[in-house]
Amino acid sequence: MYNLPSSIRLLLYVLLAQRRSTSLALDVTWTRPAAGDVYSPGSYIIGEWWSDRAILMPSFRLCNDQAEADGFGASGEDDAGCGIAIQPTVTQNESNSSYQVTL
């Protein structure tokens, strides 16, 4: 089984579709994936978070970060090496108020 290099990071961009022009601050606490998680090609990635506000239409992009320490791509851009955004189905766990997606 081939493991991806540790420089592959899952950068999750959560976007909230809003009907009003005022911006709402999102207080999101990620529980999965954790820093340093490594996935094999073809693996499913489970994303899980807690938030006081419902986030029903998030967007996610998978990015390859060549500069491990800074969280940005080798060119210094925050979207360097990123794929297209997808909007997977969000499942809410009512027992602990968390949200989950499978990528």
PDB file of N, CA and C in Angstrom:
ATOM      1  N   MET A   1       0.840  -1.171   0.000  1.00  0.00           N
ATOM      2  CA  MET A   1       0.000   0.000   0.000  1.00  0.00           C
ATOM      3  C   MET A   1       0.891   1.242   0.000  1.00  0.00           C
ATOM      4  N   TYR A   2       0.596   2.174  -0.857  1.00  0.00           N
ATOM      5  CA  TYR A   2       1.386   3.393  -1.011  1.00  0.00           C
ATOM      6  C   TYR A   2       0.838   4.471  -0.087  1.00  0.00           C
ATOM      7  N   ASN A   3       1.686   5.023   0.777  1.00  0.00           N
ATOM      8  CA  ASN A   3       1.278   6.124   1.651  1.00  0.00           C
ATOM      9  C   ASN A   3       1.708   7.441   1.033  1.00  0.00           C
ATOM     10  N   LEU A   4       0.833   8.408   1.098  1.00  0.00           N
ATOM     11  CA  LEU A   4       1.148   9.731   0.587  1.00  0.00           C
ATOM     12  C   LEU A   4       2.185  10.389   1.485  1.00  0.00           C
ATOM     13  N   PRO A   5       3.050  11.237   0.942  1.00  0.00           N
ATOM     14  CA  PRO A   5       4.044  11.926   1.766  1.00  0.00           C
ATOM     15  C   PRO A   5       3.367  12.795   2.816  1.00  0.00           C
ATOM     16  N   SER A   6       4.101  13.048   3.885  1.00  0.00           N
ATOM     17  CA  SER A   6       3.527  13.859   4.962  1.00  0.00           C
ATOM     18  C   SER A   6       3.238  15.285   4.510  1.00  0.00           C
ATOM     19  N   SER A   7       3.822  15.690   3.376  1.00  0.00           N
ATOM     20  CA  SER A   7       3.562  17.052   2.900  1.00  0.00           C
ATOM     21  C   SER A   7       2.165  17.207   2.308  1.00  0.00           C
ATOM     22  N   ILE A   8       1.475  16.070   2.079  1.00  0.00           N
ATOM     23  CA  ILE A   8       0.098  16.166   1.596  1.00  0.00           C
ATOM     24  C   ILE A   8      -0.771  16.559   2.778  1.00  0.00           C
ATOM     25  N   ARG A   9      -1.406  17.651   2.670  1.00  0.00           N
ATOM     26  CA  ARG A   9      -2.249  18.132   3.765  1.00  0.00           C
ATOM     27  C   ARG A   9      -3.663  18.329   3.247  1.00  0.00           C
ATOM     28  N   LEU A  10      -4.552  18.025   4.101  1.00  0.00           N
ATOM     29  CA  LEU A  10      -5.937  18.271   3.746  1.00  0.00           C
ATOM     30  C   LEU A  10      -6.305  19.657   4.241  1.00  0.00           C
ATOM     31  N   LEU A  11      -6.470  20.557   3.305  1.00  0.00           N
ATOM     32  CA  LEU A  11      -6.864  21.918   3.654  1.00  0.00           C
ATOM     33  C   LEU A  11      -8.357  22.025   3.383  1.00  0.00           C
ATOM     34  N   LEU A  12      -9.078  22.199   4.407  1.00  0.00           N
ATOM     35  CA  LEU A  12     -10.519  22.237   4.263  1.00  0.00           C
ATOM     36  C   LEU A  12     -10.998  23.681   4.316  1.00  0.00           C
ATOM     37  N   TYR A  13     -11.627  24.055   3.271  1.00  0.00           N
ATOM     38  CA  TYR A  13     -12.159  25.395   3.187  1.00  0.00           C
ATOM     39  C   TYR A  13     -13.668  25.307   3.357  1.00  0.00           C
ATOM     40  N   VAL A  14     -14.137  25.839   4.451  1.00  0.00           N
ATOM     41  CA  VAL A  14     -15.567  25.798   4.708  1.00  0.00           C
ATOM     42  C   VAL A  14     -16.162  27.132   4.290  1.00  0.00           C
ATOM     43  N   LEU A  15     -17.098  27.061   3.396  1.00  0.00           N
ATOM     44  CA  LEU A  15     -17.761  28.264   2.911  1.00  0.00           C
ATOM     45  C   LEU A  15     -19.229  28.193   3.293  1.00  0.00           C
ATOM     46  N   LEU A  16     -19.752  29.252   3.765  1.00  0.00           N
ATOM     47  CA  LEU A  16     -21.154  29.291   4.159  1.00  0.00           C
ATOM     48  C   LEU A  16     -21.929  30.142   3.168  1.00  0.00           C
ATOM     49  N   ALA A  17     -22.955  29.547   2.562  1.00  0.00           N
ATOM     50  CA  ALA A  17     -23.828  30.304   1.672  1.00  0.00           C
ATOM     51  C   ALA A  17     -24.790  31.108   2.539  1.00  0.00           C
ATOM     52  N   GLN A  18     -24.723  32.402   2.400  1.00  0.00           N
ATOM     53  CA  GLN A  18     -25.540  33.270   3.236  1.00  0.00           C
ATOM     54  C   GLN A  18     -26.535  34.038   2.377  1.00  0.00           C
ATOM     55  N   ARG A  19     -27.707  34.260   2.916  1.00  0.00           N
ATOM     56  CA  ARG A  19     -28.716  35.034   2.205  1.00  0.00           C
ATOM     57  C   ARG A  19     -28.627  36.516   2.516  1.00  0.00           C
ATOM     58  N   ARG A  20     -27.957  36.871   3.571  1.00  0.00           N
ATOM     59  CA  ARG A  20     -27.827  38.289   3.891  1.00  0.00           C
ATOM     60  C   ARG A  20     -26.387  38.739   3.693  1.00  0.00           C
ATOM     61  N   SER A  21     -26.191  40.012   3.589  1.00  0.00           N
ATOM     62  CA  SER A  21     -24.870  40.535   3.253  1.00  0.00           C
ATOM     63  C   SER A  21     -23.917  40.581   4.438  1.00  0.00           C
ATOM     64  N   THR A  22     -24.418  40.522   5.659  1.00  0.00           N
ATOM     65  CA  THR A  22     -23.520  40.550   6.809  1.00  0.00           C
ATOM     66  C   THR A  22     -22.816  39.221   6.937  1.00  0.00           C
ATOM     67  N   SER A  23     -21.561  39.263   7.310  1.00  0.00           N
ATOM     68  CA  SER A  23     -20.817  38.015   7.455  1.00  0.00           C
ATOM     69  C   SER A  23     -21.001  37.475   8.861  1.00  0.00           C
ATOM     70  N   LEU A  24     -21.130  36.174   8.943  1.00  0.00           N
ATOM     71  CA  LEU A  24     -21.270  35.496  10.224  1.00  0.00           C
ATOM     72  C   LEU A  24     -19.969  34.786  10.535  1.00  0.00           C
ATOM     73  N   ALA A  25     -19.467  34.965  11.735  1.00  0.00           N
ATOM     74  CA  ALA A  25     -18.244  34.270  12.137  1.00  0.00           C
ATOM     75  C   ALA A  25     -18.583  32.810  12.405  1.00  0.00           C
ATOM     76  N   LEU A  26     -17.768  31.913  11.875  1.00  0.00           N
ATOM     77  CA  LEU A  26     -17.964  30.484  12.093  1.00  0.00           C
ATOM     78  C   LEU A  26     -16.980  30.016  13.145  1.00  0.00           C
ATOM     79  N   ASP A  27     -17.487  29.447  14.193  1.00  0.00           N
ATOM     80  CA  ASP A  27     -16.643  28.885  15.233  1.00  0.00           C
ATOM     81  C   ASP A  27     -16.641  27.380  15.023  1.00  0.00           C
ATOM     82  N   VAL A  28     -15.662  26.891  14.266  1.00  0.00           N
ATOM     83  CA  VAL A  28     -15.586  25.479  13.894  1.00  0.00           C
ATOM     84  C   VAL A  28     -14.423  24.833  14.626  1.00  0.00           C
ATOM     85  N   THR A  29     -14.672  23.695  15.253  1.00  0.00           N
ATOM     86  CA  THR A  29     -13.628  22.902  15.899  1.00  0.00           C
ATOM     87  C   THR A  29     -13.520  21.584  15.151  1.00  0.00           C
ATOM     88  N   TRP A  30     -12.388  21.359  14.476  1.00  0.00           N
ATOM     89  CA  TRP A  30     -12.188  20.136  13.700  1.00  0.00           C
ATOM     90  C   TRP A  30     -11.760  18.995  14.610  1.00  0.00           C
ATOM     91  N   THR A  31     -12.357  17.820  14.423  1.00  0.00           N
ATOM     92  CA  THR A  31     -11.950  16.627  15.165  1.00  0.00           C
ATOM     93  C   THR A  31     -11.307  15.594  14.254  1.00  0.00           C
ATOM     94  N   ARG A  32     -11.683  15.573  12.988  1.00  0.00           N
ATOM     95  CA  ARG A  32     -11.086  14.688  11.998  1.00  0.00           C
ATOM     96  C   ARG A  32     -11.067  15.400  10.663  1.00  0.00           C
ATOM     97  N   PRO A  33     -10.065  15.251   9.855  1.00  0.00           N
ATOM     98  CA  PRO A  33      -8.803  14.575  10.116  1.00  0.00           C
ATOM     99  C   PRO A  33      -7.945  15.392  11.075  1.00  0.00           C
ATOM    100  N   ALA A  34      -6.983  14.726  11.646  1.00  0.00           N
ATOM    101  CA  ALA A  34      -6.063  15.369  12.585  1.00  0.00           C
ATOM    102  C   ALA A  34      -4.755  15.701  11.868  1.00  0.00           C
ATOM    103  N   ALA A  35      -4.023  16.643  12.396  1.00  0.00           N
ATOM    104  CA  ALA A  35      -2.722  17.002  11.828  1.00  0.00           C
ATOM    105  C   ALA A  35      -1.840  15.762  11.759  1.00  0.00           C
ATOM    106  N   GLY A  36      -1.195  15.564  10.623  1.00  0.00           N
ATOM    107  CA  GLY A  36      -0.299  14.430  10.455  1.00  0.00           C
ATOM    108  C   GLY A  36      -0.964  13.172   9.927  1.00  0.00           C
ATOM    109  N   ASP A  37      -2.291  13.173   9.762  1.00  0.00           N
ATOM    110  CA  ASP A  37      -2.960  11.995   9.206  1.00  0.00           C
ATOM    111  C   ASP A  37      -2.467  11.751   7.785  1.00  0.00           C
ATOM    112  N   VAL A  38      -2.245  10.498   7.436  1.00  0.00           N
ATOM    113  CA  VAL A  38      -1.766  10.106   6.115  1.00  0.00           C
ATOM    114  C   VAL A  38      -2.788   9.158   5.508  1.00  0.00           C
ATOM    115  N   TYR A  39      -3.101   9.354   4.247  1.00  0.00           N
ATOM    116  CA  TYR A  39      -4.091   8.530   3.561  1.00  0.00           C
ATOM    117  C   TYR A  39      -3.470   7.884   2.330  1.00  0.00           C
ATOM    118  N   SER A  40      -3.930   6.709   2.004  1.00  0.00           N
ATOM    119  CA  SER A  40      -3.497   6.008   0.798  1.00  0.00           C
ATOM    120  C   SER A  40      -4.361   6.455  -0.372  1.00  0.00           C
ATOM    121  N   PRO A  41      -3.847   6.345  -1.597  1.00  0.00           N
ATOM    122  CA  PRO A  41      -4.667   6.694  -2.757  1.00  0.00           C
ATOM    123  C   PRO A  41      -5.956   5.877  -2.749  1.00  0.00           C
ATOM    124  N   GLY A  42      -7.053   6.523  -3.045  1.00  0.00           N
ATOM    125  CA  GLY A  42      -8.347   5.856  -3.080  1.00  0.00           C
ATOM    126  C   GLY A  42      -9.036   5.748  -1.734  1.00  0.00           C
ATOM    127  N   SER A  43      -8.372   6.204  -0.672  1.00  0.00           N
ATOM    128  CA  SER A  43      -8.976   6.134   0.663  1.00  0.00           C
ATOM    129  C   SER A  43     -10.091   7.156   0.804  1.00  0.00           C
ATOM    130  N   TYR A  44     -11.055   6.822   1.625  1.00  0.00           N
ATOM    131  CA  TYR A  44     -12.075   7.798   1.999  1.00  0.00           C
ATOM    132  C   TYR A  44     -11.533   8.631   3.147  1.00  0.00           C
ATOM    133  N   ILE A  45     -11.794   9.909   3.113  1.00  0.00           N
ATOM    134  CA  ILE A  45     -11.376  10.807   4.180  1.00  0.00           C
ATOM    135  C   ILE A  45     -12.641  11.276   4.887  1.00  0.00           C
ATOM    136  N   ILE A  46     -12.700  11.030   6.187  1.00  0.00           N
ATOM    137  CA  ILE A  46     -13.839  11.465   6.985  1.00  0.00           C
ATOM    138  C   ILE A  46     -13.496  12.815   7.609  1.00  0.00           C
ATOM    139  N   GLY A  47     -14.303  13.806   7.352  1.00  0.00           N
ATOM    140  CA  GLY A  47     -14.150  15.113   7.983  1.00  0.00           C
ATOM    141  C   GLY A  47     -15.221  15.270   9.044  1.00  0.00           C
ATOM    142  N   GLU A  48     -14.823  15.692  10.231  1.00  0.00           N
ATOM    143  CA  GLU A  48     -15.797  15.863  11.308  1.00  0.00           C
ATOM    144  C   GLU A  48     -15.475  17.134  12.081  1.00  0.00           C
ATOM    145  N   TRP A  49     -16.504  17.883  12.444  1.00  0.00           N
ATOM    146  CA  TRP A  49     -16.323  19.124  13.173  1.00  0.00           C
ATOM    147  C   TRP A  49     -17.530  19.406  14.050  1.00  0.00           C
ATOM    148  N   TRP A  50     -17.314  20.298  15.012  1.00  0.00           N
ATOM    149  CA  TRP A  50     -18.384  20.841  15.849  1.00  0.00           C
ATOM    150  C   TRP A  50     -18.503  22.315  15.535  1.00  0.00           C
ATOM    151  N   SER A  51     -19.727  22.799  15.561  1.00  0.00           N
ATOM    152  CA  SER A  51     -19.964  24.217  15.347  1.00  0.00           C
ATOM    153  C   SER A  51     -21.273  24.606  16.018  1.00  0.00           C
ATOM    154  N   ASP A  52     -21.300  25.815  16.559  1.00  0.00           N
ATOM    155  CA  ASP A  52     -22.537  26.322  17.153  1.00  0.00           C
ATOM    156  C   ASP A  52     -23.585  26.631  16.091  1.00  0.00           C
ATOM    157  N   ARG A  53     -23.135  26.886  14.881  1.00  0.00           N
ATOM    158  CA  ARG A  53     -24.045  27.189  13.770  1.00  0.00           C
ATOM    159  C   ARG A  53     -24.063  26.021  12.792  1.00  0.00           C
ATOM    160  N   ALA A  54     -25.218  25.777  12.219  1.00  0.00           N
ATOM    161  CA  ALA A  54     -25.336  24.721  11.207  1.00  0.00           C
ATOM    162  C   ALA A  54     -24.578  25.143   9.949  1.00  0.00           C
ATOM    163  N   ILE A  55     -23.753  24.255   9.445  1.00  0.00           N
ATOM    164  CA  ILE A  55     -23.020  24.480   8.201  1.00  0.00           C
ATOM    165  C   ILE A  55     -23.480  23.379   7.259  1.00  0.00           C
ATOM    166  N   LEU A  56     -24.463  23.691   6.447  1.00  0.00           N
ATOM    167  CA  LEU A  56     -25.119  22.667   5.654  1.00  0.00           C
ATOM    168  C   LEU A  56     -24.601  22.544   4.235  1.00  0.00           C
ATOM    169  N   MET A  57     -23.881  23.543   3.730  1.00  0.00           N
ATOM    170  CA  MET A  57     -23.362  23.491   2.367  1.00  0.00           C
ATOM    171  C   MET A  57     -21.887  23.892   2.326  1.00  0.00           C
ATOM    172  N   PRO A  58     -21.010  23.163   3.025  1.00  0.00           N
ATOM    173  CA  PRO A  58     -19.589  23.522   2.992  1.00  0.00           C
ATOM    174  C   PRO A  58     -18.942  23.091   1.680  1.00  0.00           C
ATOM    175  N   SER A  59     -17.853  23.745   1.339  1.00  0.00           N
ATOM    176  CA  SER A  59     -17.035  23.357   0.188  1.00  0.00           C
ATOM    177  C   SER A  59     -15.685  22.896   0.704  1.00  0.00           C
ATOM    178  N   PHE A  60     -15.118  21.877   0.057  1.00  0.00           N
ATOM    179  CA  PHE A  60     -13.830  21.326   0.455  1.00  0.00           C
ATOM    180  C   PHE A  60     -12.935  21.213  -0.765  1.00  0.00           C
ATOM    181  N   ARG A  61     -11.629  21.450  -0.539  1.00  0.00           N
ATOM    182  CA  ARG A  61     -10.625  21.252  -1.584  1.00  0.00           C
ATOM    183  C   ARG A  61      -9.468  20.476  -0.986  1.00  0.00           C
ATOM    184  N   LEU A  62      -8.926  19.556  -1.739  1.00  0.00           N
ATOM    185  CA  LEU A  62      -7.748  18.810  -1.328  1.00  0.00           C
ATOM    186  C   LEU A  62      -6.535  19.504  -1.928  1.00  0.00           C
ATOM    187  N   CYS A  63      -5.551  19.807  -1.080  1.00  0.00           N
ATOM    188  CA  CYS A  63      -4.379  20.551  -1.530  1.00  0.00           C
ATOM    189  C   CYS A  63      -3.101  19.791  -1.203  1.00  0.00           C
ATOM    190  N   ASN A  64      -2.095  19.950  -2.049  1.00  0.00           N
ATOM    191  CA  ASN A  64      -0.779  19.379  -1.844  1.00  0.00           C
ATOM    192  C   ASN A  64       0.128  20.518  -1.412  1.00  0.00           C
ATOM    193  N   ASP A  65       0.613  20.465  -0.191  1.00  0.00           N
ATOM    194  CA  ASP A  65       1.458  21.527   0.358  1.00  0.00           C
ATOM    195  C   ASP A  65       2.911  21.083   0.295  1.00  0.00           C
ATOM    196  N   GLN A  66       3.700  21.721  -0.551  1.00  0.00           N
ATOM    197  CA  GLN A  66       5.106  21.362  -0.707  1.00  0.00           C
ATOM    198  C   GLN A  66       5.983  21.941   0.396  1.00  0.00           C
ATOM    199  N   ALA A  67       5.564  23.029   1.010  1.00  0.00           N
ATOM    200  CA  ALA A  67       6.324  23.638   2.100  1.00  0.00           C
ATOM    201  C   ALA A  67       5.647  23.240   3.403  1.00  0.00           C
ATOM    202  N   GLU A  68       6.159  22.198   4.045  1.00  0.00           N
ATOM    203  CA  GLU A  68       5.486  21.597   5.189  1.00  0.00           C
ATOM    204  C   GLU A  68       5.240  22.555   6.344  1.00  0.00           C
ATOM    205  N   ALA A  69       6.148  23.455   6.606  1.00  0.00           N
ATOM    206  CA  ALA A  69       6.063  24.245   7.829  1.00  0.00           C
ATOM    207  C   ALA A  69       5.083  25.408   7.763  1.00  0.00           C
ATOM    208  N   ASP A  70       4.850  25.969   6.568  1.00  0.00           N
ATOM    209  CA  ASP A  70       4.104  27.228   6.545  1.00  0.00           C
ATOM    210  C   ASP A  70       2.618  27.105   6.249  1.00  0.00           C
ATOM    211  N   GLY A  71       2.153  25.943   5.798  1.00  0.00           N
ATOM    212  CA  GLY A  71       0.738  25.805   5.488  1.00  0.00           C
ATOM    213  C   GLY A  71       0.345  26.402   4.150  1.00  0.00           C
ATOM    214  N   PHE A  72       1.322  26.883   3.384  1.00  0.00           N
ATOM    215  CA  PHE A  72       1.070  27.431   2.062  1.00  0.00           C
ATOM    216  C   PHE A  72       1.844  26.604   1.041  1.00  0.00           C
ATOM    217  N   GLY A  73       1.486  26.729  -0.217  1.00  0.00           N
ATOM    218  CA  GLY A  73       2.201  26.026  -1.263  1.00  0.00           C
ATOM    219  C   GLY A  73       3.609  26.566  -1.431  1.00  0.00           C
ATOM    220  N   ALA A  74       4.409  25.866  -2.216  1.00  0.00           N
ATOM    221  CA  ALA A  74       5.803  26.253  -2.417  1.00  0.00           C
ATOM    222  C   ALA A  74       5.923  27.656  -3.003  1.00  0.00           C
ATOM    223  N   SER A  75       4.924  28.074  -3.762  1.00  0.00           N
ATOM    224  CA  SER A  75       4.977  29.412  -4.353  1.00  0.00           C
ATOM    225  C   SER A  75       4.508  30.489  -3.389  1.00  0.00           C
ATOM    226  N   GLY A  76       4.074  30.085  -2.183  1.00  0.00           N
ATOM    227  CA  GLY A  76       3.616  31.052  -1.200  1.00  0.00           C
ATOM    228  C   GLY A  76       2.141  31.390  -1.306  1.00  0.00           C
ATOM    229  N   GLU A  77       1.467  30.829  -2.305  1.00  0.00           N
ATOM    230  CA  GLU A  77       0.045  31.102  -2.469  1.00  0.00           C
ATOM    231  C   GLU A  77      -0.763  30.125  -1.633  1.00  0.00           C
ATOM    232  N   ASP A  78      -1.870  30.609  -1.071  1.00  0.00           N
ATOM    233  CA  ASP A  78      -2.655  29.741  -0.208  1.00  0.00           C
ATOM    234  C   ASP A  78      -3.464  28.699  -0.965  1.00  0.00           C
ATOM    235  N   ASP A  79      -3.565  28.807  -2.290  1.00  0.00           N
ATOM    236  CA  ASP A  79      -4.311  27.807  -3.043  1.00  0.00           C
ATOM    237  C   ASP A  79      -3.428  27.033  -4.021  1.00  0.00           C
ATOM    238  N   ALA A  80      -2.122  27.102  -3.844  1.00  0.00           N
ATOM    239  CA  ALA A  80      -1.199  26.394  -4.725  1.00  0.00           C
ATOM    240  C   ALA A  80      -1.397  24.892  -4.589  1.00  0.00           C
ATOM    241  N   GLY A  81      -1.486  24.194  -5.693  1.00  0.00           N
ATOM    242  CA  GLY A  81      -1.607  22.742  -5.678  1.00  0.00           C
ATOM    243  C   GLY A  81      -2.956  22.228  -5.212  1.00  0.00           C
ATOM    244  N   CYS A  82      -3.996  23.045  -5.311  1.00  0.00           N
ATOM    245  CA  CYS A  82      -5.321  22.629  -4.840  1.00  0.00           C
ATOM    246  C   CYS A  82      -6.186  22.140  -5.994  1.00  0.00           C
ATOM    247  N   GLY A  83      -7.020  21.176  -5.683  1.00  0.00           N
ATOM    248  CA  GLY A  83      -7.999  20.690  -6.641  1.00  0.00           C
ATOM    249  C   GLY A  83      -9.234  21.580  -6.637  1.00  0.00           C
ATOM    250  N   ILE A  84     -10.253  21.132  -7.361  1.00  0.00           N
ATOM    251  CA  ILE A  84     -11.492  21.902  -7.413  1.00  0.00           C
ATOM    252  C   ILE A  84     -12.296  21.697  -6.134  1.00  0.00           C
ATOM    253  N   ALA A  85     -13.119  22.656  -5.814  1.00  0.00           N
ATOM    254  CA  ALA A  85     -13.973  22.567  -4.624  1.00  0.00           C
ATOM    255  C   ALA A  85     -15.142  21.624  -4.901  1.00  0.00           C
ATOM    256  N   ILE A  86     -15.483  20.828  -3.900  1.00  0.00           N
ATOM    257  CA  ILE A  86     -16.650  19.952  -3.983  1.00  0.00           C
ATOM    258  C   ILE A  86     -17.567  20.268  -2.808  1.00  0.00           C
ATOM    259  N   GLN A  87     -18.829  19.899  -2.946  1.00  0.00           N
ATOM    260  CA  GLN A  87     -19.802  20.118  -1.881  1.00  0.00           C
ATOM    261  C   GLN A  87     -20.468  18.790  -1.538  1.00  0.00           C
ATOM    262  N   PRO A  88     -19.827  18.002  -0.657  1.00  0.00           N
ATOM    263  CA  PRO A  88     -20.402  16.705  -0.292  1.00  0.00           C
ATOM    264  C   PRO A  88     -21.602  16.869   0.639  1.00  0.00           C
ATOM    265  N   THR A  89     -22.357  15.801   0.771  1.00  0.00           N
ATOM    266  CA  THR A  89     -23.499  15.789   1.681  1.00  0.00           C
ATOM    267  C   THR A  89     -23.010  15.823   3.122  1.00  0.00           C
ATOM    268  N   VAL A  90     -23.623  16.668   3.932  1.00  0.00           N
ATOM    269  CA  VAL A  90     -23.270  16.800   5.345  1.00  0.00           C
ATOM    270  C   VAL A  90     -24.264  16.001   6.176  1.00  0.00           C
ATOM    271  N   THR A  91     -23.733  15.227   7.119  1.00  0.00           N
ATOM    272  CA  THR A  91     -24.559  14.468   8.050  1.00  0.00           C
ATOM    273  C   THR A  91     -24.380  15.065   9.433  1.00  0.00           C
ATOM    274  N   GLN A  92     -25.495  15.301  10.124  1.00  0.00           N
ATOM    275  CA  GLN A  92     -25.413  15.829  11.485  1.00  0.00           C
ATOM    276  C   GLN A  92     -25.647  14.699  12.471  1.00  0.00           C
ATOM    277  N   ASN A  93     -24.728  14.566  13.432  1.00  0.00           N
ATOM    278  CA  ASN A  93     -24.859  13.588  14.504  1.00  0.00           C
ATOM    279  C   ASN A  93     -25.579  14.283  15.652  1.00  0.00           C
ATOM    280  N   GLU A  94     -26.851  13.976  15.821  1.00  0.00           N
ATOM    281  CA  GLU A  94     -27.652  14.687  16.821  1.00  0.00           C
ATOM    282  C   GLU A  94     -27.260  14.347  18.252  1.00  0.00           C
ATOM    283  N   SER A  95     -26.614  13.203  18.464  1.00  0.00           N
ATOM    284  CA  SER A  95     -26.250  12.827  19.833  1.00  0.00           C
ATOM    285  C   SER A  95     -25.136  13.701  20.408  1.00  0.00           C
ATOM    286  N   ASN A  96     -24.235  14.198  19.543  1.00  0.00           N
ATOM    287  CA  ASN A  96     -23.160  15.056  20.065  1.00  0.00           C
ATOM    288  C   ASN A  96     -23.023  16.371  19.296  1.00  0.00           C
ATOM    289  N   SER A  97     -23.992  16.698  18.467  1.00  0.00           N
ATOM    290  CA  SER A  97     -24.035  17.965  17.718  1.00  0.00           C
ATOM    291  C   SER A  97     -22.837  18.172  16.801  1.00  0.00           C
ATOM    292  N   SER A  98     -22.260  17.094  16.299  1.00  0.00           N
ATOM    293  CA  SER A  98     -21.158  17.229  15.353  1.00  0.00           C
ATOM    294  C   SER A  98     -21.695  17.068  13.932  1.00  0.00           C
ATOM    295  N   TYR A  99     -20.853  17.446  12.960  1.00  0.00           N
ATOM    296  CA  TYR A  99     -21.186  17.327  11.546  1.00  0.00           C
ATOM    297  C   TYR A  99     -20.112  16.470  10.894  1.00  0.00           C
ATOM    298  N   GLN A 100     -20.490  15.728   9.833  1.00  0.00           N
ATOM    299  CA  GLN A 100     -19.543  14.810   9.215  1.00  0.00           C
ATOM    300  C   GLN A 100     -19.752  14.771   7.708  1.00  0.00           C
ATOM    301  N   VAL A 101     -18.634  14.652   6.979  1.00  0.00           N
ATOM    302  CA  VAL A 101     -18.653  14.452   5.532  1.00  0.00           C
ATOM    303  C   VAL A 101     -17.676  13.337   5.195  1.00  0.00           C
ATOM    304  N   THR A 102     -17.923  12.677   4.081  1.00  0.00           N
ATOM    305  CA  THR A 102     -16.999  11.668   3.568  1.00  0.00           C
ATOM    306  C   THR A 102     -16.498  12.157   2.220  1.00  0.00           C
ATOM    307  N   LEU A 103     -15.176  12.248   2.097  1.00  0.00           N
ATOM    308  CA  LEU A 103     -14.548  12.707   0.852  1.00  0.00           C
ATOM    309  C   LEU A 103     -13.809  11.557   0.213  1.00  0.00           C
TER     310      LEU A 103
END
